[in-house]
Amino acid sequence: DGGINFSLFSRHATQVWLELYDEPADA
């Protein structure tokens, strides 16, 4: 639907961050 859905498994995590990068070596 005009974008991307991201889904990740973690049972014991308290918080998750999704990061988007422009280049492979970006810090």
PDB file of all heavy atoms in Angstrom:
ATOM      1  N   ASP A   1       0.807  -1.218   0.000  1.00  0.00           N
ATOM      2  CA  ASP A   1       0.000   0.000   0.000  1.00  0.00           C
ATOM      3  C   ASP A   1       0.848   1.280   0.000  1.00  0.00           C
ATOM      4  O   ASP A   1       0.640   2.186   0.804  1.00  0.00           O
ATOM      5  CB  ASP A   1      -0.944  -0.004   1.207  1.00  0.00           C
ATOM      6  CG  ASP A   1      -2.073   1.014   1.057  1.00  0.00           C
ATOM      7  OD1 ASP A   1      -2.398   1.361  -0.098  1.00  0.00           O
ATOM      8  OD2 ASP A   1      -2.617   1.456   2.093  1.00  0.00           O
ATOM      9  N   GLY A   2       1.815   1.352  -0.917  1.00  0.00           N
ATOM     10  CA  GLY A   2       2.598   2.571  -1.052  1.00  0.00           C
ATOM     11  C   GLY A   2       3.668   2.755  -0.007  1.00  0.00           C
ATOM     12  O   GLY A   2       4.188   3.867   0.163  1.00  0.00           O
ATOM     13  N   GLY A   3       4.031   1.713   0.672  1.00  0.00           N
ATOM     14  CA  GLY A   3       5.085   1.793   1.682  1.00  0.00           C
ATOM     15  C   GLY A   3       5.600   0.407   2.003  1.00  0.00           C
ATOM     16  O   GLY A   3       5.409  -0.538   1.238  1.00  0.00           O
ATOM     17  N   ILE A   4       6.256   0.293   3.132  1.00  0.00           N
ATOM     18  CA  ILE A   4       6.810  -0.992   3.547  1.00  0.00           C
ATOM     19  C   ILE A   4       6.444  -1.235   5.001  1.00  0.00           C
ATOM     20  O   ILE A   4       6.603  -0.364   5.866  1.00  0.00           O
ATOM     21  CB  ILE A   4       8.338  -1.030   3.366  1.00  0.00           C
ATOM     22  CG1 ILE A   4       8.689  -0.888   1.879  1.00  0.00           C
ATOM     23  CG2 ILE A   4       8.921  -2.333   3.917  1.00  0.00           C
ATOM     24  CD1 ILE A   4      10.175  -0.799   1.609  1.00  0.00           C
ATOM     25  N   ASN A   5       5.948  -2.443   5.266  1.00  0.00           N
ATOM     26  CA  ASN A   5       5.679  -2.883   6.626  1.00  0.00           C
ATOM     27  C   ASN A   5       6.872  -3.680   7.130  1.00  0.00           C
ATOM     28  O   ASN A   5       7.412  -4.531   6.430  1.00  0.00           O
ATOM     29  CB  ASN A   5       4.427  -3.752   6.669  1.00  0.00           C
ATOM     30  CG  ASN A   5       3.983  -4.053   8.084  1.00  0.00           C
ATOM     31  OD1 ASN A   5       3.333  -3.227   8.727  1.00  0.00           O
ATOM     32  ND2 ASN A   5       4.331  -5.240   8.587  1.00  0.00           N
ATOM     33  N   PHE A   6       7.291  -3.377   8.340  1.00  0.00           N
ATOM     34  CA  PHE A   6       8.398  -4.091   8.968  1.00  0.00           C
ATOM     35  C   PHE A   6       7.865  -4.829  10.191  1.00  0.00           C
ATOM     36  O   PHE A   6       7.119  -4.253  10.991  1.00  0.00           O
ATOM     37  CB  PHE A   6       9.498  -3.121   9.409  1.00  0.00           C
ATOM     38  CG  PHE A   6      10.139  -2.369   8.284  1.00  0.00           C
ATOM     39  CD1 PHE A   6       9.586  -1.172   7.824  1.00  0.00           C
ATOM     40  CD2 PHE A   6      11.298  -2.831   7.686  1.00  0.00           C
ATOM     41  CE1 PHE A   6      10.183  -0.462   6.793  1.00  0.00           C
ATOM     42  CE2 PHE A   6      11.905  -2.123   6.650  1.00  0.00           C
ATOM     43  CZ  PHE A   6      11.348  -0.938   6.198  1.00  0.00           C
ATOM     44  N   SER A   7       8.281  -6.083  10.365  1.00  0.00           N
ATOM     45  CA  SER A   7       7.855  -6.854  11.531  1.00  0.00           C
ATOM     46  C   SER A   7       9.029  -7.684  12.031  1.00  0.00           C
ATOM     47  O   SER A   7       9.751  -8.306  11.242  1.00  0.00           O
ATOM     48  CB  SER A   7       6.675  -7.766  11.188  1.00  0.00           C
ATOM     49  OG  SER A   7       6.252  -8.495  12.328  1.00  0.00           O
ATOM     50  N   LEU A   8       9.216  -7.700  13.333  1.00  0.00           N
ATOM     51  CA  LEU A   8      10.379  -8.322  13.965  1.00  0.00           C
ATOM     52  C   LEU A   8       9.936  -9.058  15.223  1.00  0.00           C
ATOM     53  O   LEU A   8       9.112  -8.558  15.997  1.00  0.00           O
ATOM     54  CB  LEU A   8      11.396  -7.231  14.333  1.00  0.00           C
ATOM     55  CG  LEU A   8      12.698  -7.675  14.998  1.00  0.00           C
ATOM     56  CD1 LEU A   8      13.632  -8.292  13.952  1.00  0.00           C
ATOM     57  CD2 LEU A   8      13.370  -6.489  15.687  1.00  0.00           C
ATOM     58  N   PHE A   9      10.520 -10.238  15.455  1.00  0.00           N
ATOM     59  CA  PHE A   9      10.222 -10.992  16.676  1.00  0.00           C
ATOM     60  C   PHE A   9      11.206 -10.647  17.791  1.00  0.00           C
ATOM     61  O   PHE A   9      12.412 -10.621  17.580  1.00  0.00           O
ATOM     62  CB  PHE A   9      10.301 -12.497  16.415  1.00  0.00           C
ATOM     63  CG  PHE A   9      10.293 -13.321  17.689  1.00  0.00           C
ATOM     64  CD1 PHE A   9       9.090 -13.685  18.288  1.00  0.00           C
ATOM     65  CD2 PHE A   9      11.487 -13.706  18.300  1.00  0.00           C
ATOM     66  CE1 PHE A   9       9.083 -14.418  19.467  1.00  0.00           C
ATOM     67  CE2 PHE A   9      11.480 -14.441  19.479  1.00  0.00           C
ATOM     68  CZ  PHE A   9      10.279 -14.796  20.061  1.00  0.00           C
ATOM     69  N   SER A  10      10.693 -10.386  18.975  1.00  0.00           N
ATOM     70  CA  SER A  10      11.493 -10.362  20.199  1.00  0.00           C
ATOM     71  C   SER A  10      10.547 -10.462  21.390  1.00  0.00           C
ATOM     72  O   SER A  10       9.691  -9.590  21.590  1.00  0.00           O
ATOM     73  CB  SER A  10      12.352  -9.098  20.313  1.00  0.00           C
ATOM     74  OG  SER A  10      13.127  -9.163  21.502  1.00  0.00           O
ATOM     75  N   ARG A  11      10.715 -11.517  22.148  1.00  0.00           N
ATOM     76  CA  ARG A  11       9.829 -11.742  23.292  1.00  0.00           C
ATOM     77  C   ARG A  11      10.238 -10.925  24.501  1.00  0.00           C
ATOM     78  O   ARG A  11       9.392 -10.423  25.251  1.00  0.00           O
ATOM     79  CB  ARG A  11       9.824 -13.235  23.648  1.00  0.00           C
ATOM     80  CG  ARG A  11       8.980 -13.606  24.873  1.00  0.00           C
ATOM     81  CD  ARG A  11       8.793 -15.096  24.975  1.00  0.00           C
ATOM     82  NE  ARG A  11       8.087 -15.589  23.789  1.00  0.00           N
ATOM     83  CZ  ARG A  11       7.958 -16.882  23.476  1.00  0.00           C
ATOM     84  NH1 ARG A  11       8.506 -17.808  24.243  1.00  0.00           N
ATOM     85  NH2 ARG A  11       7.295 -17.239  22.398  1.00  0.00           N
ATOM     86  N   HIS A  12      11.544 -10.783  24.726  1.00  0.00           N
ATOM     87  CA  HIS A  12      12.016 -10.173  25.964  1.00  0.00           C
ATOM     88  C   HIS A  12      12.475  -8.730  25.791  1.00  0.00           C
ATOM     89  O   HIS A  12      12.951  -8.117  26.749  1.00  0.00           O
ATOM     90  CB  HIS A  12      13.159 -11.012  26.551  1.00  0.00           C
ATOM     91  CG  HIS A  12      12.740 -12.395  26.948  1.00  0.00           C
ATOM     92  ND1 HIS A  12      12.983 -13.513  26.169  1.00  0.00           N
ATOM     93  CD2 HIS A  12      12.064 -12.840  28.030  1.00  0.00           C
ATOM     94  CE1 HIS A  12      12.503 -14.586  26.770  1.00  0.00           C
ATOM     95  NE2 HIS A  12      11.936 -14.206  27.898  1.00  0.00           N
ATOM     96  N   ALA A  13      12.326  -8.161  24.589  1.00  0.00           N
ATOM     97  CA  ALA A  13      12.716  -6.766  24.375  1.00  0.00           C
ATOM     98  C   ALA A  13      11.752  -5.828  25.089  1.00  0.00           C
ATOM     99  O   ALA A  13      10.567  -6.137  25.285  1.00  0.00           O
ATOM    100  CB  ALA A  13      12.739  -6.452  22.885  1.00  0.00           C
ATOM    101  N   THR A  14      12.284  -4.659  25.455  1.00  0.00           N
ATOM    102  CA  THR A  14      11.438  -3.619  26.050  1.00  0.00           C
ATOM    103  C   THR A  14      11.177  -2.479  25.073  1.00  0.00           C
ATOM    104  O   THR A  14      10.217  -1.726  25.243  1.00  0.00           O
ATOM    105  CB  THR A  14      12.098  -3.058  27.321  1.00  0.00           C
ATOM    106  OG1 THR A  14      13.414  -2.576  26.994  1.00  0.00           O
ATOM    107  CG2 THR A  14      12.194  -4.137  28.394  1.00  0.00           C
ATOM    108  N   GLN A  15      12.046  -2.348  24.065  1.00  0.00           N
ATOM    109  CA  GLN A  15      11.845  -1.316  23.053  1.00  0.00           C
ATOM    110  C   GLN A  15      12.646  -1.683  21.806  1.00  0.00           C
ATOM    111  O   GLN A  15      13.700  -2.327  21.889  1.00  0.00           O
ATOM    112  CB  GLN A  15      12.276   0.070  23.549  1.00  0.00           C
ATOM    113  CG  GLN A  15      11.838   1.205  22.632  1.00  0.00           C
ATOM    114  CD  GLN A  15      12.019   2.574  23.263  1.00  0.00           C
ATOM    115  OE1 GLN A  15      12.392   2.696  24.420  1.00  0.00           O
ATOM    116  NE2 GLN A  15      11.744   3.611  22.489  1.00  0.00           N
ATOM    117  N   VAL A  16      12.137  -1.263  20.648  1.00  0.00           N
ATOM    118  CA  VAL A  16      12.778  -1.547  19.367  1.00  0.00           C
ATOM    119  C   VAL A  16      12.840  -0.261  18.558  1.00  0.00           C
ATOM    120  O   VAL A  16      11.900   0.546  18.580  1.00  0.00           O
ATOM    121  CB  VAL A  16      11.998  -2.634  18.582  1.00  0.00           C
ATOM    122  CG1 VAL A  16      12.571  -2.803  17.180  1.00  0.00           C
ATOM    123  CG2 VAL A  16      12.012  -3.956  19.333  1.00  0.00           C
ATOM    124  N   TRP A  17      13.955  -0.053  17.861  1.00  0.00           N
ATOM    125  CA  TRP A  17      14.084   1.074  16.942  1.00  0.00           C
ATOM    126  C   TRP A  17      14.346   0.534  15.538  1.00  0.00           C
ATOM    127  O   TRP A  17      15.213  -0.342  15.340  1.00  0.00           O
ATOM    128  CB  TRP A  17      15.242   1.986  17.321  1.00  0.00           C
ATOM    129  CG  TRP A  17      15.057   2.733  18.601  1.00  0.00           C
ATOM    130  CD1 TRP A  17      14.553   3.985  18.763  1.00  0.00           C
ATOM    131  CD2 TRP A  17      15.415   2.275  19.910  1.00  0.00           C
ATOM    132  NE1 TRP A  17      14.553   4.346  20.086  1.00  0.00           N
ATOM    133  CE2 TRP A  17      15.076   3.313  20.823  1.00  0.00           C
ATOM    134  CE3 TRP A  17      15.969   1.099  20.410  1.00  0.00           C
ATOM    135  CZ2 TRP A  17      15.298   3.202  22.189  1.00  0.00           C
ATOM    136  CZ3 TRP A  17      16.181   0.985  21.772  1.00  0.00           C
ATOM    137  CH2 TRP A  17      15.848   2.021  22.647  1.00  0.00           C
ATOM    138  N   LEU A  18      13.625   1.056  14.570  1.00  0.00           N
ATOM    139  CA  LEU A  18      13.898   0.791  13.163  1.00  0.00           C
ATOM    140  C   LEU A  18      14.672   1.969  12.611  1.00  0.00           C
ATOM    141  O   LEU A  18      14.254   3.125  12.773  1.00  0.00           O
ATOM    142  CB  LEU A  18      12.595   0.617  12.380  1.00  0.00           C
ATOM    143  CG  LEU A  18      12.726   0.608  10.849  1.00  0.00           C
ATOM    144  CD1 LEU A  18      13.437  -0.655  10.370  1.00  0.00           C
ATOM    145  CD2 LEU A  18      11.354   0.747  10.191  1.00  0.00           C
ATOM    146  N   GLU A  19      15.816   1.705  11.951  1.00  0.00           N
ATOM    147  CA  GLU A  19      16.620   2.769  11.384  1.00  0.00           C
ATOM    148  C   GLU A  19      16.721   2.590   9.871  1.00  0.00           C
ATOM    149  O   GLU A  19      16.950   1.480   9.373  1.00  0.00           O
ATOM    150  CB  GLU A  19      18.026   2.779  11.999  1.00  0.00           C
ATOM    151  CG  GLU A  19      18.000   3.115  13.479  1.00  0.00           C
ATOM    152  CD  GLU A  19      19.377   3.316  14.077  1.00  0.00           C
ATOM    153  OE1 GLU A  19      20.370   2.863  13.469  1.00  0.00           O
ATOM    154  OE2 GLU A  19      19.456   3.930  15.161  1.00  0.00           O
ATOM    155  N   LEU A  20      16.557   3.702   9.144  1.00  0.00           N
ATOM    156  CA  LEU A  20      16.658   3.714   7.687  1.00  0.00           C
ATOM    157  C   LEU A  20      17.939   4.421   7.282  1.00  0.00           C
ATOM    158  O   LEU A  20      18.238   5.521   7.780  1.00  0.00           O
ATOM    159  CB  LEU A  20      15.456   4.427   7.070  1.00  0.00           C
ATOM    160  CG  LEU A  20      14.071   3.896   7.463  1.00  0.00           C
ATOM    161  CD1 LEU A  20      12.988   4.694   6.743  1.00  0.00           C
ATOM    162  CD2 LEU A  20      13.946   2.415   7.148  1.00  0.00           C
ATOM    163  N   TYR A  21      18.692   3.800   6.382  1.00  0.00           N
ATOM    164  CA  TYR A  21      19.991   4.324   5.964  1.00  0.00           C
ATOM    165  C   TYR A  21      19.999   4.617   4.467  1.00  0.00           C
ATOM    166  O   TYR A  21      19.267   3.989   3.695  1.00  0.00           O
ATOM    167  CB  TYR A  21      21.102   3.321   6.294  1.00  0.00           C
ATOM    168  CG  TYR A  21      21.400   3.203   7.765  1.00  0.00           C
ATOM    169  CD1 TYR A  21      20.647   2.366   8.590  1.00  0.00           C
ATOM    170  CD2 TYR A  21      22.434   3.937   8.333  1.00  0.00           C
ATOM    171  CE1 TYR A  21      20.918   2.261   9.945  1.00  0.00           C
ATOM    172  CE2 TYR A  21      22.710   3.845   9.696  1.00  0.00           C
ATOM    173  CZ  TYR A  21      21.954   3.007  10.491  1.00  0.00           C
ATOM    174  OH  TYR A  21      22.227   2.914  11.834  1.00  0.00           O
ATOM    175  N   ASP A  22      20.879   5.557   4.094  1.00  0.00           N
ATOM    176  CA  ASP A  22      21.051   5.899   2.685  1.00  0.00           C
ATOM    177  C   ASP A  22      22.161   5.087   2.029  1.00  0.00           C
ATOM    178  O   ASP A  22      22.042   4.672   0.880  1.00  0.00           O
ATOM    179  CB  ASP A  22      21.373   7.390   2.527  1.00  0.00           C
ATOM    180  CG  ASP A  22      20.201   8.276   2.903  1.00  0.00           C
ATOM    181  OD1 ASP A  22      19.043   7.813   2.773  1.00  0.00           O
ATOM    182  OD2 ASP A  22      20.437   9.416   3.340  1.00  0.00           O
ATOM    183  N   GLU A  23      23.270   4.851   2.761  1.00  0.00           N
ATOM    184  CA  GLU A  23      24.431   4.180   2.204  1.00  0.00           C
ATOM    185  C   GLU A  23      24.892   3.066   3.137  1.00  0.00           C
ATOM    186  O   GLU A  23      24.720   3.163   4.362  1.00  0.00           O
ATOM    187  CB  GLU A  23      25.584   5.174   1.981  1.00  0.00           C
ATOM    188  CG  GLU A  23      25.253   6.308   1.019  1.00  0.00           C
ATOM    189  CD  GLU A  23      25.016   5.819  -0.397  1.00  0.00           C
ATOM    190  OE1 GLU A  23      25.535   4.723  -0.740  1.00  0.00           O
ATOM    191  OE2 GLU A  23      24.329   6.529  -1.163  1.00  0.00           O
ATOM    192  N   PRO A  24      25.541   2.042   2.588  1.00  0.00           N
ATOM    193  CA  PRO A  24      25.953   0.906   3.414  1.00  0.00           C
ATOM    194  C   PRO A  24      26.900   1.262   4.552  1.00  0.00           C
ATOM    195  O   PRO A  24      26.839   0.646   5.620  1.00  0.00           O
ATOM    196  CB  PRO A  24      26.640  -0.031   2.406  1.00  0.00           C
ATOM    197  CG  PRO A  24      26.019   0.301   1.091  1.00  0.00           C
ATOM    198  CD  PRO A  24      25.764   1.773   1.144  1.00  0.00           C
ATOM    199  N   ALA A  25      27.790   2.229   4.353  1.00  0.00           N
ATOM    200  CA  ALA A  25      28.788   2.550   5.373  1.00  0.00           C
ATOM    201  C   ALA A  25      28.354   3.698   6.284  1.00  0.00           C
ATOM    202  O   ALA A  25      29.163   4.177   7.095  1.00  0.00           O
ATOM    203  CB  ALA A  25      30.123   2.882   4.714  1.00  0.00           C
ATOM    204  N   ASP A  26      27.118   4.151   6.183  1.00  0.00           N
ATOM    205  CA  ASP A  26      26.661   5.241   7.043  1.00  0.00           C
ATOM    206  C   ASP A  26      26.707   4.832   8.509  1.00  0.00           C
ATOM    207  O   ASP A  26      26.304   3.722   8.881  1.00  0.00           O
ATOM    208  CB  ASP A  26      25.226   5.635   6.687  1.00  0.00           C
ATOM    209  CG  ASP A  26      25.153   6.476   5.418  1.00  0.00           C
ATOM    210  OD1 ASP A  26      26.216   6.871   4.917  1.00  0.00           O
ATOM    211  OD2 ASP A  26      24.027   6.710   4.938  1.00  0.00           O
ATOM    212  N   ALA A  27      27.187   5.757   9.349  1.00  0.00           N
ATOM    213  CA  ALA A  27      27.238   5.508  10.789  1.00  0.00           C
ATOM    214  C   ALA A  27      25.957   5.939  11.482  1.00  0.00           C
ATOM    215  O   ALA A  27      25.645   5.459  12.584  1.00  0.00           O
ATOM    216  CB  ALA A  27      28.429   6.238  11.410  1.00  0.00           C
TER     217      ALA A  27
END
